[in-house]
Amino acid sequence: MNSRAHVVVTGRVQGVFYRSSARDQARYLGLTGWVRNLPDGRVEAIFEGPKDKLGEMLVWCTHGPPGAEVTGLETKWEKPEGKWDSFNIVP
């Protein structure tokens, strides 16, 4: 059974390849959804997939790629929609 995590990451997470690294990690874990930059410097993402894989992704989100400095991770568990067939960067 799939779950859904709606995540907002704060810190130095823009301009450090956070989105592309998150996309690569999510695809590696077999998750679907999207990631995007927010105007205020945060990064927002929706991850859908098995709960254990979501847990691995959330651990990754707490540190991100080299160069990122994550200072906060807000996670909301939501009902999965199942409308994505891959994981992508969105505007």
PDB file of N, CA and C in Angstrom:
ATOM      1  N   MET A   1       0.851  -1.197   0.000  1.00  0.00           N
ATOM      2  CA  MET A   1       0.000   0.000   0.000  1.00  0.00           C
ATOM      3  C   MET A   1       0.889   1.249   0.000  1.00  0.00           C
ATOM      4  N   ASN A   2       0.564   2.154  -0.875  1.00  0.00           N
ATOM      5  CA  ASN A   2       1.350   3.380  -0.997  1.00  0.00           C
ATOM      6  C   ASN A   2       0.891   4.452  -0.022  1.00  0.00           C
ATOM      7  N   SER A   3       1.821   5.318   0.288  1.00  0.00           N
ATOM      8  CA  SER A   3       1.568   6.482   1.124  1.00  0.00           C
ATOM      9  C   SER A   3       2.050   7.713   0.378  1.00  0.00           C
ATOM     10  N   ARG A   4       1.813   8.883   0.978  1.00  0.00           N
ATOM     11  CA  ARG A   4       2.213  10.151   0.359  1.00  0.00           C
ATOM     12  C   ARG A   4       2.768  11.078   1.428  1.00  0.00           C
ATOM     13  N   ALA A   5       3.944  11.642   1.137  1.00  0.00           N
ATOM     14  CA  ALA A   5       4.562  12.621   2.027  1.00  0.00           C
ATOM     15  C   ALA A   5       4.683  13.944   1.279  1.00  0.00           C
ATOM     16  N   HIS A   6       4.158  14.998   1.884  1.00  0.00           N
ATOM     17  CA  HIS A   6       4.269  16.364   1.348  1.00  0.00           C
ATOM     18  C   HIS A   6       5.324  17.046   2.202  1.00  0.00           C
ATOM     19  N   VAL A   7       6.429  17.434   1.564  1.00  0.00           N
ATOM     20  CA  VAL A   7       7.609  17.878   2.283  1.00  0.00           C
ATOM     21  C   VAL A   7       7.977  19.309   1.897  1.00  0.00           C
ATOM     22  N   VAL A   8       8.374  20.103   2.894  1.00  0.00           N
ATOM     23  CA  VAL A   8       8.954  21.423   2.656  1.00  0.00           C
ATOM     24  C   VAL A   8      10.291  21.463   3.402  1.00  0.00           C
ATOM     25  N   VAL A   9      11.349  21.758   2.644  1.00  0.00           N
ATOM     26  CA  VAL A   9      12.707  21.740   3.178  1.00  0.00           C
ATOM     27  C   VAL A   9      13.222  23.168   3.267  1.00  0.00           C
ATOM     28  N   THR A  10      13.777  23.528   4.426  1.00  0.00           N
ATOM     29  CA  THR A  10      14.337  24.861   4.610  1.00  0.00           C
ATOM     30  C   THR A  10      15.851  24.763   4.800  1.00  0.00           C
ATOM     31  N   GLY A  11      16.510  25.885   4.563  1.00  0.00           N
ATOM     32  CA  GLY A  11      17.958  25.965   4.688  1.00  0.00           C
ATOM     33  C   GLY A  11      18.565  26.440   3.374  1.00  0.00           C
ATOM     34  N   ARG A  12      19.837  26.113   3.171  1.00  0.00           N
ATOM     35  CA  ARG A  12      20.473  26.440   1.891  1.00  0.00           C
ATOM     36  C   ARG A  12      20.227  25.255   0.971  1.00  0.00           C
ATOM     37  N   VAL A  13      19.076  25.305   0.290  1.00  0.00           N
ATOM     38  CA  VAL A  13      18.637  24.177  -0.531  1.00  0.00           C
ATOM     39  C   VAL A  13      18.358  24.572  -1.982  1.00  0.00           C
ATOM     40  N   GLN A  14      18.601  25.819  -2.318  1.00  0.00           N
ATOM     41  CA  GLN A  14      18.497  26.235  -3.716  1.00  0.00           C
ATOM     42  C   GLN A  14      19.887  26.609  -4.210  1.00  0.00           C
ATOM     43  N   GLY A  15      20.159  26.270  -5.477  1.00  0.00           N
ATOM     44  CA  GLY A  15      21.464  26.556  -6.051  1.00  0.00           C
ATOM     45  C   GLY A  15      22.532  25.545  -5.651  1.00  0.00           C
ATOM     46  N   VAL A  16      22.109  24.405  -5.086  1.00  0.00           N
ATOM     47  CA  VAL A  16      23.053  23.361  -4.661  1.00  0.00           C
ATOM     48  C   VAL A  16      22.656  21.992  -5.240  1.00  0.00           C
ATOM     49  N   PHE A  17      21.851  21.998  -6.292  1.00  0.00           N
ATOM     50  CA  PHE A  17      21.391  20.779  -6.977  1.00  0.00           C
ATOM     51  C   PHE A  17      20.487  19.913  -6.104  1.00  0.00           C
ATOM     52  N   TYR A  18      19.772  20.545  -5.183  1.00  0.00           N
ATOM     53  CA  TYR A  18      18.872  19.788  -4.308  1.00  0.00           C
ATOM     54  C   TYR A  18      17.765  19.115  -5.123  1.00  0.00           C
ATOM     55  N   ARG A  19      17.128  19.867  -6.016  1.00  0.00           N
ATOM     56  CA  ARG A  19      16.011  19.296  -6.783  1.00  0.00           C
ATOM     57  C   ARG A  19      16.449  18.130  -7.652  1.00  0.00           C
ATOM     58  N   SER A  20      17.527  18.306  -8.401  1.00  0.00           N
ATOM     59  CA  SER A  20      17.950  17.228  -9.301  1.00  0.00           C
ATOM     60  C   SER A  20      18.436  16.016  -8.506  1.00  0.00           C
ATOM     61  N   SER A  21      19.083  16.250  -7.387  1.00  0.00           N
ATOM     62  CA  SER A  21      19.517  15.139  -6.543  1.00  0.00           C
ATOM     63  C   SER A  21      18.320  14.427  -5.914  1.00  0.00           C
ATOM     64  N   ALA A  22      17.312  15.199  -5.498  1.00  0.00           N
ATOM     65  CA  ALA A  22      16.093  14.607  -4.936  1.00  0.00           C
ATOM     66  C   ALA A  22      15.372  13.781  -5.997  1.00  0.00           C
ATOM     67  N   ARG A  23      15.323  14.292  -7.223  1.00  0.00           N
ATOM     68  CA  ARG A  23      14.710  13.542  -8.326  1.00  0.00           C
ATOM     69  C   ARG A  23      15.434  12.211  -8.520  1.00  0.00           C
ATOM     70  N   ASP A  24      16.752  12.265  -8.578  1.00  0.00           N
ATOM     71  CA  ASP A  24      17.534  11.045  -8.791  1.00  0.00           C
ATOM     72  C   ASP A  24      17.321  10.036  -7.662  1.00  0.00           C
ATOM     73  N   GLN A  25      17.308  10.521  -6.424  1.00  0.00           N
ATOM     74  CA  GLN A  25      17.115   9.640  -5.269  1.00  0.00           C
ATOM     75  C   GLN A  25      15.712   9.043  -5.275  1.00  0.00           C
ATOM     76  N   ALA A  26      14.703   9.866  -5.564  1.00  0.00           N
ATOM     77  CA  ALA A  26      13.321   9.376  -5.602  1.00  0.00           C
ATOM     78  C   ALA A  26      13.150   8.322  -6.688  1.00  0.00           C
ATOM     79  N   ARG A  27      13.728   8.556  -7.844  1.00  0.00           N
ATOM     80  CA  ARG A  27      13.644   7.567  -8.924  1.00  0.00           C
ATOM     81  C   ARG A  27      14.357   6.277  -8.540  1.00  0.00           C
ATOM     82  N   TYR A  28      15.515   6.409  -7.891  1.00  0.00           N
ATOM     83  CA  TYR A  28      16.263   5.240  -7.432  1.00  0.00           C
ATOM     84  C   TYR A  28      15.414   4.394  -6.474  1.00  0.00           C
ATOM     85  N   LEU A  29      14.649   5.069  -5.613  1.00  0.00           N
ATOM     86  CA  LEU A  29      13.801   4.387  -4.637  1.00  0.00           C
ATOM     87  C   LEU A  29      12.464   3.934  -5.224  1.00  0.00           C
ATOM     88  N   GLY A  30      12.189   4.296  -6.476  1.00  0.00           N
ATOM     89  CA  GLY A  30      10.940   3.901  -7.120  1.00  0.00           C
ATOM     90  C   GLY A  30       9.743   4.738  -6.715  1.00  0.00           C
ATOM     91  N   LEU A  31       9.985   5.966  -6.256  1.00  0.00           N
ATOM     92  CA  LEU A  31       8.902   6.854  -5.837  1.00  0.00           C
ATOM     93  C   LEU A  31       8.412   7.697  -7.007  1.00  0.00           C
ATOM     94  N   THR A  32       7.195   8.179  -6.909  1.00  0.00           N
ATOM     95  CA  THR A  32       6.636   9.099  -7.899  1.00  0.00           C
ATOM     96  C   THR A  32       6.328  10.420  -7.214  1.00  0.00           C
ATOM     97  N   GLY A  33       6.097  11.464  -8.031  1.00  0.00           N
ATOM     98  CA  GLY A  33       5.751  12.775  -7.504  1.00  0.00           C
ATOM     99  C   GLY A  33       6.528  13.868  -8.183  1.00  0.00           C
ATOM    100  N   TRP A  34       6.831  14.923  -7.409  1.00  0.00           N
ATOM    101  CA  TRP A  34       7.517  16.076  -7.983  1.00  0.00           C
ATOM    102  C   TRP A  34       8.268  16.853  -6.917  1.00  0.00           C
ATOM    103  N   VAL A  35       9.176  17.728  -7.383  1.00  0.00           N
ATOM    104  CA  VAL A  35       9.928  18.626  -6.500  1.00  0.00           C
ATOM    105  C   VAL A  35      10.039  19.977  -7.193  1.00  0.00           C
ATOM    106  N   ARG A  36      10.019  21.060  -6.406  1.00  0.00           N
ATOM    107  CA  ARG A  36      10.138  22.398  -6.982  1.00  0.00           C
ATOM    108  C   ARG A  36      10.737  23.363  -5.970  1.00  0.00           C
ATOM    109  N   ASN A  37      11.325  24.445  -6.492  1.00  0.00           N
ATOM    110  CA  ASN A  37      11.784  25.551  -5.663  1.00  0.00           C
ATOM    111  C   ASN A  37      10.602  26.441  -5.327  1.00  0.00           C
ATOM    112  N   LEU A  38      10.601  26.994  -4.138  1.00  0.00           N
ATOM    113  CA  LEU A  38       9.609  27.991  -3.745  1.00  0.00           C
ATOM    114  C   LEU A  38      10.259  29.374  -3.789  1.00  0.00           C
ATOM    115  N   PRO A  39       9.472  30.424  -4.022  1.00  0.00           N
ATOM    116  CA  PRO A  39      10.028  31.781  -4.121  1.00  0.00           C
ATOM    117  C   PRO A  39      10.780  32.242  -2.870  1.00  0.00           C
ATOM    118  N   ASP A  40      10.457  31.668  -1.705  1.00  0.00           N
ATOM    119  CA  ASP A  40      11.088  32.103  -0.457  1.00  0.00           C
ATOM    120  C   ASP A  40      12.394  31.365  -0.139  1.00  0.00           C
ATOM    121  N   GLY A  41      12.879  30.543  -1.073  1.00  0.00           N
ATOM    122  CA  GLY A  41      14.152  29.852  -0.877  1.00  0.00           C
ATOM    123  C   GLY A  41      14.026  28.421  -0.376  1.00  0.00           C
ATOM    124  N   ARG A  42      12.811  28.001  -0.065  1.00  0.00           N
ATOM    125  CA  ARG A  42      12.608  26.621   0.366  1.00  0.00           C
ATOM    126  C   ARG A  42      12.403  25.713  -0.846  1.00  0.00           C
ATOM    127  N   VAL A  43      12.386  24.408  -0.613  1.00  0.00           N
ATOM    128  CA  VAL A  43      12.083  23.415  -1.636  1.00  0.00           C
ATOM    129  C   VAL A  43      10.874  22.621  -1.164  1.00  0.00           C
ATOM    130  N   GLU A  44       9.932  22.379  -2.072  1.00  0.00           N
ATOM    131  CA  GLU A  44       8.720  21.617  -1.765  1.00  0.00           C
ATOM    132  C   GLU A  44       8.699  20.365  -2.628  1.00  0.00           C
ATOM    133  N   ALA A  45       8.206  19.260  -2.060  1.00  0.00           N
ATOM    134  CA  ALA A  45       8.123  18.020  -2.826  1.00  0.00           C
ATOM    135  C   ALA A  45       6.938  17.185  -2.364  1.00  0.00           C
ATOM    136  N   ILE A  46       6.447  16.387  -3.293  1.00  0.00           N
ATOM    137  CA  ILE A  46       5.448  15.359  -3.016  1.00  0.00           C
ATOM    138  C   ILE A  46       6.093  14.031  -3.393  1.00  0.00           C
ATOM    139  N   PHE A  47       6.113  13.104  -2.457  1.00  0.00           N
ATOM    140  CA  PHE A  47       6.638  11.764  -2.715  1.00  0.00           C
ATOM    141  C   PHE A  47       5.526  10.756  -2.478  1.00  0.00           C
ATOM    142  N   GLU A  48       5.338   9.831  -3.414  1.00  0.00           N
ATOM    143  CA  GLU A  48       4.372   8.753  -3.222  1.00  0.00           C
ATOM    144  C   GLU A  48       5.060   7.419  -3.468  1.00  0.00           C
ATOM    145  N   GLY A  49       4.711   6.450  -2.640  1.00  0.00           N
ATOM    146  CA  GLY A  49       5.267   5.113  -2.785  1.00  0.00           C
ATOM    147  C   GLY A  49       5.131   4.338  -1.490  1.00  0.00           C
ATOM    148  N   PRO A  50       5.814   3.196  -1.412  1.00  0.00           N
ATOM    149  CA  PRO A  50       5.755   2.383  -0.197  1.00  0.00           C
ATOM    150  C   PRO A  50       6.326   3.146   1.006  1.00  0.00           C
ATOM    151  N   LYS A  51       5.720   2.948   2.151  1.00  0.00           N
ATOM    152  CA  LYS A  51       6.095   3.702   3.356  1.00  0.00           C
ATOM    153  C   LYS A  51       7.577   3.534   3.709  1.00  0.00           C
ATOM    154  N   ASP A  52       8.142   2.340   3.522  1.00  0.00           N
ATOM    155  CA  ASP A  52       9.554   2.150   3.866  1.00  0.00           C
ATOM    156  C   ASP A  52      10.454   2.965   2.946  1.00  0.00           C
ATOM    157  N   LYS A  53      10.100   3.049   1.665  1.00  0.00           N
ATOM    158  CA  LYS A  53      10.894   3.840   0.722  1.00  0.00           C
ATOM    159  C   LYS A  53      10.723   5.332   0.995  1.00  0.00           C
ATOM    160  N   LEU A  54       9.525   5.735   1.408  1.00  0.00           N
ATOM    161  CA  LEU A  54       9.315   7.132   1.788  1.00  0.00           C
ATOM    162  C   LEU A  54      10.180   7.482   3.001  1.00  0.00           C
ATOM    163  N   GLY A  55      10.281   6.560   3.930  1.00  0.00           N
ATOM    164  CA  GLY A  55      11.130   6.788   5.091  1.00  0.00           C
ATOM    165  C   GLY A  55      12.579   7.012   4.686  1.00  0.00           C
ATOM    166  N   GLU A  56      13.073   6.215   3.737  1.00  0.00           N
ATOM    167  CA  GLU A  56      14.444   6.392   3.245  1.00  0.00           C
ATOM    168  C   GLU A  56      14.597   7.760   2.580  1.00  0.00           C
ATOM    169  N   MET A  57      13.582   8.167   1.825  1.00  0.00           N
ATOM    170  CA  MET A  57      13.641   9.457   1.135  1.00  0.00           C
ATOM    171  C   MET A  57      13.652  10.597   2.143  1.00  0.00           C
ATOM    172  N   LEU A  58      12.856  10.492   3.182  1.00  0.00           N
ATOM    173  CA  LEU A  58      12.812  11.554   4.189  1.00  0.00           C
ATOM    174  C   LEU A  58      14.134  11.676   4.926  1.00  0.00           C
ATOM    175  N   VAL A  59      14.794  10.559   5.182  1.00  0.00           N
ATOM    176  CA  VAL A  59      16.123  10.618   5.791  1.00  0.00           C
ATOM    177  C   VAL A  59      17.070  11.358   4.858  1.00  0.00           C
ATOM    178  N   TRP A  60      17.014  11.034   3.555  1.00  0.00           N
ATOM    179  CA  TRP A  60      17.864  11.725   2.580  1.00  0.00           C
ATOM    180  C   TRP A  60      17.566  13.232   2.601  1.00  0.00           C
ATOM    181  N   CYS A  61      16.300  13.598   2.672  1.00  0.00           N
ATOM    182  CA  CYS A  61      15.905  15.014   2.643  1.00  0.00           C
ATOM    183  C   CYS A  61      16.488  15.809   3.812  1.00  0.00           C
ATOM    184  N   THR A  62      16.793  15.158   4.911  1.00  0.00           N
ATOM    185  CA  THR A  62      17.317  15.873   6.069  1.00  0.00           C
ATOM    186  C   THR A  62      18.739  16.380   5.861  1.00  0.00           C
ATOM    187  N   HIS A  63      19.425  15.854   4.860  1.00  0.00           N
ATOM    188  CA  HIS A  63      20.781  16.341   4.576  1.00  0.00           C
ATOM    189  C   HIS A  63      20.943  16.769   3.124  1.00  0.00           C
ATOM    190  N   GLY A  64      20.240  16.125   2.197  1.00  0.00           N
ATOM    191  CA  GLY A  64      20.326  16.497   0.785  1.00  0.00           C
ATOM    192  C   GLY A  64      21.690  16.202   0.188  1.00  0.00           C
ATOM    193  N   PRO A  65      21.971  16.830  -0.950  1.00  0.00           N
ATOM    194  CA  PRO A  65      23.242  16.590  -1.637  1.00  0.00           C
ATOM    195  C   PRO A  65      24.393  17.362  -0.980  1.00  0.00           C
ATOM    196  N   PRO A  66      25.629  17.043  -1.359  1.00  0.00           N
ATOM    197  CA  PRO A  66      26.758  17.835  -0.865  1.00  0.00           C
ATOM    198  C   PRO A  66      26.533  19.310  -1.222  1.00  0.00           C
ATOM    199  N   GLY A  67      26.816  20.189  -0.305  1.00  0.00           N
ATOM    200  CA  GLY A  67      26.616  21.622  -0.538  1.00  0.00           C
ATOM    201  C   GLY A  67      25.342  22.160   0.073  1.00  0.00           C
ATOM    202  N   ALA A  68      24.365  21.285   0.300  1.00  0.00           N
ATOM    203  CA  ALA A  68      23.117  21.724   0.928  1.00  0.00           C
ATOM    204  C   ALA A  68      23.319  21.820   2.442  1.00  0.00           C
ATOM    205  N   GLU A  69      22.581  22.750   3.048  1.00  0.00           N
ATOM    206  CA  GLU A  69      22.567  22.868   4.505  1.00  0.00           C
ATOM    207  C   GLU A  69      21.111  22.913   4.946  1.00  0.00           C
ATOM    208  N   VAL A  70      20.568  21.758   5.246  1.00  0.00           N
ATOM    209  CA  VAL A  70      19.164  21.649   5.637  1.00  0.00           C
ATOM    210  C   VAL A  70      19.026  22.047   7.096  1.00  0.00           C
ATOM    211  N   THR A  71      18.128  23.012   7.348  1.00  0.00           N
ATOM    212  CA  THR A  71      17.880  23.451   8.722  1.00  0.00           C
ATOM    213  C   THR A  71      16.497  23.048   9.219  1.00  0.00           C
ATOM    214  N   GLY A  72      15.641  22.588   8.314  1.00  0.00           N
ATOM    215  CA  GLY A  72      14.313  22.170   8.725  1.00  0.00           C
ATOM    216  C   GLY A  72      13.645  21.301   7.681  1.00  0.00           C
ATOM    217  N   LEU A  73      12.807  20.384   8.144  1.00  0.00           N
ATOM    218  CA  LEU A  73      12.054  19.502   7.261  1.00  0.00           C
ATOM    219  C   LEU A  73      10.648  19.366   7.825  1.00  0.00           C
ATOM    220  N   GLU A  74       9.681  19.887   7.116  1.00  0.00           N
ATOM    221  CA  GLU A  74       8.276  19.801   7.514  1.00  0.00           C
ATOM    222  C   GLU A  74       7.624  18.729   6.652  1.00  0.00           C
ATOM    223  N   THR A  75       7.029  17.735   7.283  1.00  0.00           N
ATOM    224  CA  THR A  75       6.412  16.627   6.554  1.00  0.00           C
ATOM    225  C   THR A  75       4.955  16.494   6.952  1.00  0.00           C
ATOM    226  N   LYS A  76       4.086  16.411   5.953  1.00  0.00           N
ATOM    227  CA  LYS A  76       2.666  16.146   6.177  1.00  0.00           C
ATOM    228  C   LYS A  76       2.336  14.849   5.448  1.00  0.00           C
ATOM    229  N   TRP A  77       1.703  13.937   6.166  1.00  0.00           N
ATOM    230  CA  TRP A  77       1.263  12.690   5.549  1.00  0.00           C
ATOM    231  C   TRP A  77      -0.133  12.912   4.987  1.00  0.00           C
ATOM    232  N   GLU A  78      -0.304  12.584   3.713  1.00  0.00           N
ATOM    233  CA  GLU A  78      -1.573  12.817   3.015  1.00  0.00           C
ATOM    234  C   GLU A  78      -2.029  11.538   2.334  1.00  0.00           C
ATOM    235  N   LYS A  79      -3.258  11.554   1.862  1.00  0.00           N
ATOM    236  CA  LYS A  79      -3.789  10.419   1.119  1.00  0.00           C
ATOM    237  C   LYS A  79      -3.128  10.391  -0.264  1.00  0.00           C
ATOM    238  N   PRO A  80      -2.565   9.250  -0.685  1.00  0.00           N
ATOM    239  CA  PRO A  80      -1.926   9.189  -2.000  1.00  0.00           C
ATOM    240  C   PRO A  80      -2.950   9.365  -3.123  1.00  0.00           C
ATOM    241  N   GLU A  81      -2.526  10.055  -4.177  1.00  0.00           N
ATOM    242  CA  GLU A  81      -3.400  10.279  -5.329  1.00  0.00           C
ATOM    243  C   GLU A  81      -3.101   9.311  -6.464  1.00  0.00           C
ATOM    244  N   GLY A  82      -1.857   8.839  -6.551  1.00  0.00           N
ATOM    245  CA  GLY A  82      -1.502   7.872  -7.579  1.00  0.00           C
ATOM    246  C   GLY A  82      -1.601   8.390  -9.000  1.00  0.00           C
ATOM    247  N   LYS A  83      -1.428   9.702  -9.196  1.00  0.00           N
ATOM    248  CA  LYS A  83      -1.605  10.254 -10.539  1.00  0.00           C
ATOM    249  C   LYS A  83      -0.293  10.467 -11.302  1.00  0.00           C
ATOM    250  N   TRP A  84       0.849  10.138 -10.683  1.00  0.00           N
ATOM    251  CA  TRP A  84       2.136  10.307 -11.383  1.00  0.00           C
ATOM    252  C   TRP A  84       2.702   8.947 -11.715  1.00  0.00           C
ATOM    253  N   ASP A  85       3.397   8.868 -12.841  1.00  0.00           N
ATOM    254  CA  ASP A  85       4.040   7.603 -13.200  1.00  0.00           C
ATOM    255  C   ASP A  85       5.558   7.693 -13.109  1.00  0.00           C
ATOM    256  N   SER A  86       6.068   8.847 -12.682  1.00  0.00           N
ATOM    257  CA  SER A  86       7.506   9.028 -12.485  1.00  0.00           C
ATOM    258  C   SER A  86       7.712  10.159 -11.484  1.00  0.00           C
ATOM    259  N   PHE A  87       8.964  10.557 -11.282  1.00  0.00           N
ATOM    260  CA  PHE A  87       9.261  11.658 -10.385  1.00  0.00           C
ATOM    261  C   PHE A  87       9.978  12.742 -11.181  1.00  0.00           C
ATOM    262  N   ASN A  88       9.487  13.979 -11.109  1.00  0.00           N
ATOM    263  CA  ASN A  88      10.008  15.045 -11.948  1.00  0.00           C
ATOM    264  C   ASN A  88      10.197  16.353 -11.183  1.00  0.00           C
ATOM    265  N   ILE A  89      11.032  17.208 -11.754  1.00  0.00           N
ATOM    266  CA  ILE A  89      11.174  18.586 -11.296  1.00  0.00           C
ATOM    267  C   ILE A  89      10.093  19.404 -11.999  1.00  0.00           C
ATOM    268  N   VAL A  90       9.351  20.196 -11.245  1.00  0.00           N
ATOM    269  CA  VAL A  90       8.301  21.030 -11.835  1.00  0.00           C
ATOM    270  C   VAL A  90       8.611  22.498 -11.549  1.00  0.00           C
ATOM    271  N   PRO A  91       8.075  23.391 -12.393  1.00  0.00           N
ATOM    272  CA  PRO A  91       8.309  24.832 -12.177  1.00  0.00           C
ATOM    273  C   PRO A  91       7.568  25.346 -10.942  1.00  0.00           C
TER     274      PRO A  91
END
